[in-house]
Amino acid sequence: MFTLGRSMDFGYKTNRIIVLSSVIVAAIGWWLTGNVLSGVYIGFSLFLTWALVRELDPNHEYAAFLAAAFSLLNVLYYENIQLLVVVWILLLMRIVNGITGKKLTTFDIFSVLGLTTYLSFNDGNSIYLMIFILAMVFSIKTGEKKREALIASVISIGIVAAERFFINYLSFNSIEYSNAVTLFLIAASGLSLILFWFLSKGEIKDDKGNGVNRSKLLASQILYSATILLLFVFGGVSLNNLVIYLSAVLGAIIYFIGGEILTRTRSN
């Protein structure tokens, strides 16, 4: 049984807004690019940016909308959006944080391992498997199905070793560290770790209404920051995907800082 999916309750106004917004953005993307599929990808990128922040900052639903607004940059420039990679990141985070409120299953772990292996061979890059191993380490430390996670890690290590020996999939990208985008990514990732420490202190409820363990939530947040850095350094991440990842971080950071400033202003 697959337990990593999260249902959309259209009884909530915010859920209706994000779906409608995604459809509108998809139509705009279609009009600007002249391609229906490109428009659909752009619309889904808005929705997935929102979904990422719902994992990173579950208590502040409007932080997700702020992040989605930042991701509209993809409407202005579209080249390539790897939607499956974003979905994969969401699934890894849910394995670690337990936000769905359902017990992790063996099928969950090995289905995500299958997706990870597919991404690794499809993109010709072992970094996906290495990130999966990192997620399994977090899961073993904080979650359930420790034996299955350990087995999945051993299998992943074996695949990485085979890829390394026979194909040499893993290599550094040519990165200019004085580049503004690179510096911005590093700064945002560093700030996000500080932010996540504070965000994880709040009382978080899972989809079943039960409390989420703080260490699990923090581990999934750290996993996210580590993932976007590793994908950037090793994965040849597209600019459109980079916009999605950074929009999620910036939405959470700016909403949190703005909320803190507003709270202190009111208290004074």
Protein backbone atom coordinates (compact mmCIF):
# COMPACT_ATOMS: atom_id res chain seq x y z
CA MET A 1 0.00 0.00 0.00
CA PHE A 2 1.30 3.44 -0.96
CA THR A 3 0.90 5.95 1.89
CA LEU A 4 2.98 8.91 0.68
CA GLY A 5 0.22 10.63 -1.26
CA ARG A 6 -1.70 13.53 0.28
CA SER A 7 -5.32 14.09 -0.73
CA MET A 8 -6.65 17.49 -1.78
CA ASP A 9 -9.70 18.50 0.26
CA PHE A 10 -11.55 20.99 -1.91
CA GLY A 11 -13.58 22.00 1.10
CA TYR A 12 -10.62 24.23 1.97
CA LYS A 13 -10.60 27.58 0.18
CA THR A 14 -6.80 27.60 -0.11
CA ASN A 15 -6.81 24.27 -1.96
CA ARG A 16 -9.35 25.56 -4.44
CA ILE A 17 -7.30 28.73 -4.94
CA ILE A 18 -4.04 26.91 -5.72
CA VAL A 19 -5.69 24.52 -8.18
CA LEU A 20 -7.48 27.38 -9.96
CA SER A 21 -4.27 29.44 -9.97
CA SER A 22 -2.35 26.52 -11.48
CA VAL A 23 -4.91 26.16 -14.27
CA ILE A 24 -4.78 29.90 -15.02
CA VAL A 25 -0.96 29.90 -15.03
CA ALA A 26 -0.97 26.86 -17.33
CA ALA A 27 -3.21 28.76 -19.76
CA ILE A 28 -0.91 31.80 -19.59
CA GLY A 29 2.13 29.58 -20.11
CA TRP A 30 0.46 28.00 -23.15
CA TRP A 31 -0.28 31.45 -24.58
CA LEU A 32 3.27 32.73 -24.01
CA THR A 33 5.13 29.65 -25.22
CA GLY A 34 2.68 28.62 -27.92
CA ASN A 35 2.88 25.02 -26.66
CA VAL A 36 0.15 23.25 -24.67
CA LEU A 37 2.54 20.85 -22.92
CA SER A 38 4.86 23.68 -21.88
CA GLY A 39 1.87 25.50 -20.39
CA VAL A 40 0.86 22.38 -18.45
CA TYR A 41 4.41 22.02 -17.09
CA ILE A 42 4.46 25.64 -15.98
CA GLY A 43 1.06 25.25 -14.29
CA PHE A 44 2.21 22.13 -12.46
CA SER A 45 5.42 23.89 -11.40
CA LEU A 46 3.30 26.49 -9.57
CA PHE A 47 1.35 23.75 -7.80
CA LEU A 48 4.47 21.77 -6.85
CA THR A 49 6.20 24.86 -5.48
CA TRP A 50 3.17 25.34 -3.24
CA ALA A 51 3.30 21.64 -2.27
CA LEU A 52 6.98 21.84 -1.33
CA VAL A 53 6.33 24.63 1.15
CA ARG A 54 3.38 22.72 2.63
CA GLU A 55 6.02 20.11 3.57
CA LEU A 56 8.65 22.62 4.70
CA ASP A 57 6.31 24.88 6.69
CA PRO A 58 3.03 23.05 7.37
CA ASN A 59 1.75 25.64 9.87
CA HIS A 60 1.79 28.63 7.51
CA GLU A 61 -0.33 27.93 4.45
CA TYR A 62 0.13 31.42 3.00
CA ALA A 63 3.91 30.99 2.93
CA ALA A 64 3.20 28.40 0.23
CA PHE A 65 1.27 30.98 -1.81
CA LEU A 66 4.11 33.47 -1.48
CA ALA A 67 6.52 30.84 -2.77
CA ALA A 68 4.15 30.02 -5.64
CA ALA A 69 4.12 33.71 -6.57
CA PHE A 70 7.93 33.71 -6.77
CA SER A 71 7.82 30.65 -9.02
CA LEU A 72 5.87 32.68 -11.61
CA LEU A 73 9.31 33.61 -12.95
CA ASN A 74 8.99 30.36 -14.89
CA VAL A 75 6.20 31.98 -16.91
CA LEU A 76 8.63 34.61 -18.18
CA TYR A 77 11.34 32.12 -19.11
CA TYR A 78 10.64 28.49 -19.90
CA GLU A 79 13.17 25.95 -21.07
CA ASN A 80 12.86 22.70 -19.14
CA ILE A 81 11.02 21.73 -15.95
CA GLN A 82 11.76 18.31 -14.45
CA LEU A 83 8.45 17.79 -12.66
CA LEU A 84 9.23 14.17 -11.77
CA VAL A 85 12.31 15.28 -9.82
CA VAL A 86 10.19 17.69 -7.75
CA VAL A 87 7.66 14.91 -7.05
CA TRP A 88 10.56 12.66 -6.04
CA ILE A 89 11.80 15.28 -3.54
CA LEU A 90 8.29 15.52 -2.06
CA LEU A 91 8.13 11.74 -1.61
CA LEU A 92 11.54 11.61 0.07
CA MET A 93 10.48 14.31 2.51
CA ARG A 94 7.27 12.46 3.33
CA ILE A 95 9.17 9.27 4.03
CA VAL A 96 11.19 11.17 6.63
CA ASN A 97 8.62 13.54 8.19
CA GLY A 98 5.57 11.27 8.38
CA ILE A 99 3.30 14.21 7.53
CA THR A 100 0.65 12.00 5.90
CA GLY A 101 -0.16 10.46 9.27
CA LYS A 102 -0.08 6.94 7.81
CA LYS A 103 2.37 4.22 8.75
CA LEU A 104 5.26 3.93 6.34
CA THR A 105 5.10 0.72 4.29
CA THR A 106 7.66 -1.46 2.58
CA PHE A 107 6.04 -0.55 -0.73
CA ASP A 108 6.61 3.16 0.00
CA ILE A 109 10.35 2.70 0.43
CA PHE A 110 10.94 0.40 -2.52
CA SER A 111 8.65 2.25 -4.91
CA VAL A 112 10.61 5.45 -4.21
CA LEU A 113 13.83 3.45 -4.65
CA GLY A 114 12.49 2.36 -8.04
CA LEU A 115 11.74 5.96 -9.00
CA THR A 116 15.20 7.00 -7.78
CA THR A 117 16.87 4.31 -9.88
CA TYR A 118 14.86 5.38 -12.92
CA LEU A 119 15.93 9.02 -12.48
CA SER A 120 19.54 7.94 -12.02
CA PHE A 121 19.66 5.94 -15.27
CA ASN A 122 17.43 8.32 -17.21
CA ASP A 123 19.52 11.38 -16.33
CA GLY A 124 22.81 9.47 -16.22
CA ASN A 125 23.58 10.63 -12.70
CA SER A 126 24.20 8.73 -9.44
CA ILE A 127 23.40 11.74 -7.26
CA TYR A 128 19.74 10.71 -7.03
CA LEU A 129 20.72 7.42 -5.40
CA MET A 130 23.13 9.19 -3.05
CA ILE A 131 20.37 11.57 -1.95
CA PHE A 132 18.05 8.58 -1.49
CA ILE A 133 20.66 6.98 0.77
CA LEU A 134 20.80 10.20 2.81
CA ALA A 135 16.99 10.12 3.14
CA MET A 136 17.18 6.49 4.32
CA VAL A 137 19.77 7.47 6.94
CA PHE A 138 17.38 10.13 8.28
CA SER A 139 14.51 7.63 8.14
CA ILE A 140 16.45 5.00 10.06
CA LYS A 141 17.32 7.55 12.75
CA THR A 142 13.85 9.03 13.15
CA GLY A 143 11.27 6.80 11.49
CA GLU A 144 9.75 3.38 10.97
CA LYS A 145 10.67 0.41 8.74
CA LYS A 146 14.32 0.65 9.74
CA ARG A 147 15.18 -2.80 8.38
CA GLU A 148 13.60 -2.03 4.99
CA ALA A 149 15.33 1.36 4.87
CA LEU A 150 18.66 -0.31 5.60
CA ILE A 151 18.10 -2.89 2.84
CA ALA A 152 17.12 -0.14 0.39
CA SER A 153 20.29 1.76 1.34
CA VAL A 154 22.48 -1.29 0.71
CA ILE A 155 20.83 -1.84 -2.68
CA SER A 156 21.36 1.83 -3.54
CA ILE A 157 25.03 1.66 -2.56
CA GLY A 158 25.41 -1.38 -4.79
CA ILE A 159 23.83 0.43 -7.76
CA VAL A 160 26.02 3.51 -7.17
CA ALA A 161 29.11 1.30 -7.05
CA ALA A 162 28.11 -0.43 -10.29
CA GLU A 163 27.37 2.89 -11.99
CA ARG A 164 30.65 4.32 -10.79
CA PHE A 165 32.68 1.32 -11.94
CA PHE A 166 31.02 0.72 -15.31
CA ILE A 167 29.60 4.08 -16.36
CA ASN A 168 31.12 6.81 -14.13
CA TYR A 169 27.79 8.62 -13.73
CA LEU A 170 28.82 10.98 -10.92
CA SER A 171 30.79 14.12 -11.75
CA PHE A 172 30.99 17.74 -10.64
CA ASN A 173 29.26 20.34 -12.76
CA SER A 174 31.28 23.27 -13.98
CA ILE A 175 30.21 25.90 -11.43
CA GLU A 176 31.35 29.49 -11.22
CA TYR A 177 31.31 30.18 -7.49
CA SER A 178 31.49 33.93 -7.97
CA ASN A 179 28.31 33.73 -10.04
CA ALA A 180 25.36 35.61 -8.47
CA VAL A 181 23.02 32.60 -8.83
CA THR A 182 25.51 30.31 -7.10
CA LEU A 183 26.09 32.73 -4.24
CA PHE A 184 22.35 33.29 -3.87
CA LEU A 185 21.69 29.54 -3.73
CA ILE A 186 24.35 28.98 -1.08
CA ALA A 187 23.11 31.94 1.00
CA ALA A 188 19.46 30.84 0.74
CA SER A 189 20.36 27.27 1.72
CA GLY A 190 22.31 28.50 4.73
CA LEU A 191 19.48 30.77 5.86
CA SER A 192 16.97 27.98 5.38
CA LEU A 193 18.76 25.81 7.95
CA ILE A 194 18.39 28.59 10.53
CA LEU A 195 14.75 29.09 9.56
CA PHE A 196 13.93 25.38 9.76
CA TRP A 197 15.26 25.23 13.32
CA PHE A 198 12.60 27.76 14.34
CA LEU A 199 9.81 26.39 12.15
CA SER A 200 10.23 22.87 13.52
CA LYS A 201 9.67 24.15 17.08
CA GLY A 202 5.99 24.79 16.41
CA GLU A 203 3.25 22.27 17.10
CA ILE A 204 2.71 20.54 13.74
CA LYS A 205 -0.23 18.27 12.97
CA ASP A 206 -0.19 15.51 10.38
CA ASP A 207 -3.04 14.77 7.98
CA LYS A 208 -4.73 12.63 10.66
CA GLY A 209 -4.60 15.43 13.25
CA ASN A 210 -1.83 13.88 15.32
CA GLY A 211 1.34 15.69 16.35
CA VAL A 212 4.40 15.41 14.11
CA ASN A 213 7.68 14.58 15.80
CA ARG A 214 9.92 17.66 15.68
CA SER A 215 13.06 15.67 14.86
CA LYS A 216 11.32 14.07 11.86
CA LEU A 217 10.16 17.42 10.50
CA LEU A 218 13.58 19.03 11.00
CA ALA A 219 15.29 16.05 9.35
CA SER A 220 13.06 16.38 6.27
CA GLN A 221 13.73 20.13 6.10
CA ILE A 222 17.50 19.57 6.30
CA LEU A 223 17.14 16.87 3.65
CA TYR A 224 15.48 19.41 1.35
CA SER A 225 18.29 21.96 1.69
CA ALA A 226 20.91 19.26 1.21
CA THR A 227 19.07 17.93 -1.85
CA ILE A 228 18.91 21.23 -3.73
CA LEU A 229 22.60 21.86 -3.03
CA LEU A 230 23.63 18.37 -4.16
CA LEU A 231 21.49 18.55 -7.28
CA PHE A 232 23.02 21.91 -8.11
CA VAL A 233 26.60 20.71 -7.62
CA PHE A 234 26.23 17.25 -9.20
CA GLY A 235 22.92 17.15 -11.03
CA GLY A 236 22.94 19.80 -13.72
CA VAL A 237 19.64 21.19 -12.42
CA SER A 238 17.69 23.27 -14.95
CA LEU A 239 17.13 26.97 -14.30
CA ASN A 240 13.36 26.41 -14.15
CA ASN A 241 13.76 23.75 -11.46
CA LEU A 242 16.15 26.00 -9.59
CA VAL A 243 13.45 28.68 -9.59
CA ILE A 244 11.04 26.18 -8.00
CA TYR A 245 13.50 25.08 -5.30
CA LEU A 246 14.60 28.61 -4.38
CA SER A 247 11.03 29.96 -4.49
CA ALA A 248 10.05 27.38 -1.86
CA VAL A 249 12.91 28.45 0.42
CA LEU A 250 12.35 32.18 -0.12
CA GLY A 251 8.60 31.91 0.43
CA ALA A 252 9.14 30.26 3.81
CA ILE A 253 11.96 32.64 4.84
CA ILE A 254 10.23 35.88 3.85
CA TYR A 255 6.87 34.85 5.33
CA PHE A 256 8.53 33.89 8.63
CA ILE A 257 10.57 37.10 8.87
CA GLY A 258 7.58 39.21 7.88
CA GLY A 259 5.44 37.50 10.51
CA GLU A 260 8.06 38.07 13.20
CA ILE A 261 8.39 41.78 12.29
CA LEU A 262 4.61 42.21 12.29
CA THR A 263 4.26 40.46 15.66
CA ARG A 264 6.93 42.64 17.31
CA THR A 265 5.49 45.79 15.79
CA ARG A 266 2.07 44.99 17.21
CA SER A 267 3.51 44.13 20.63
CA ASN A 268 5.26 47.51 20.78
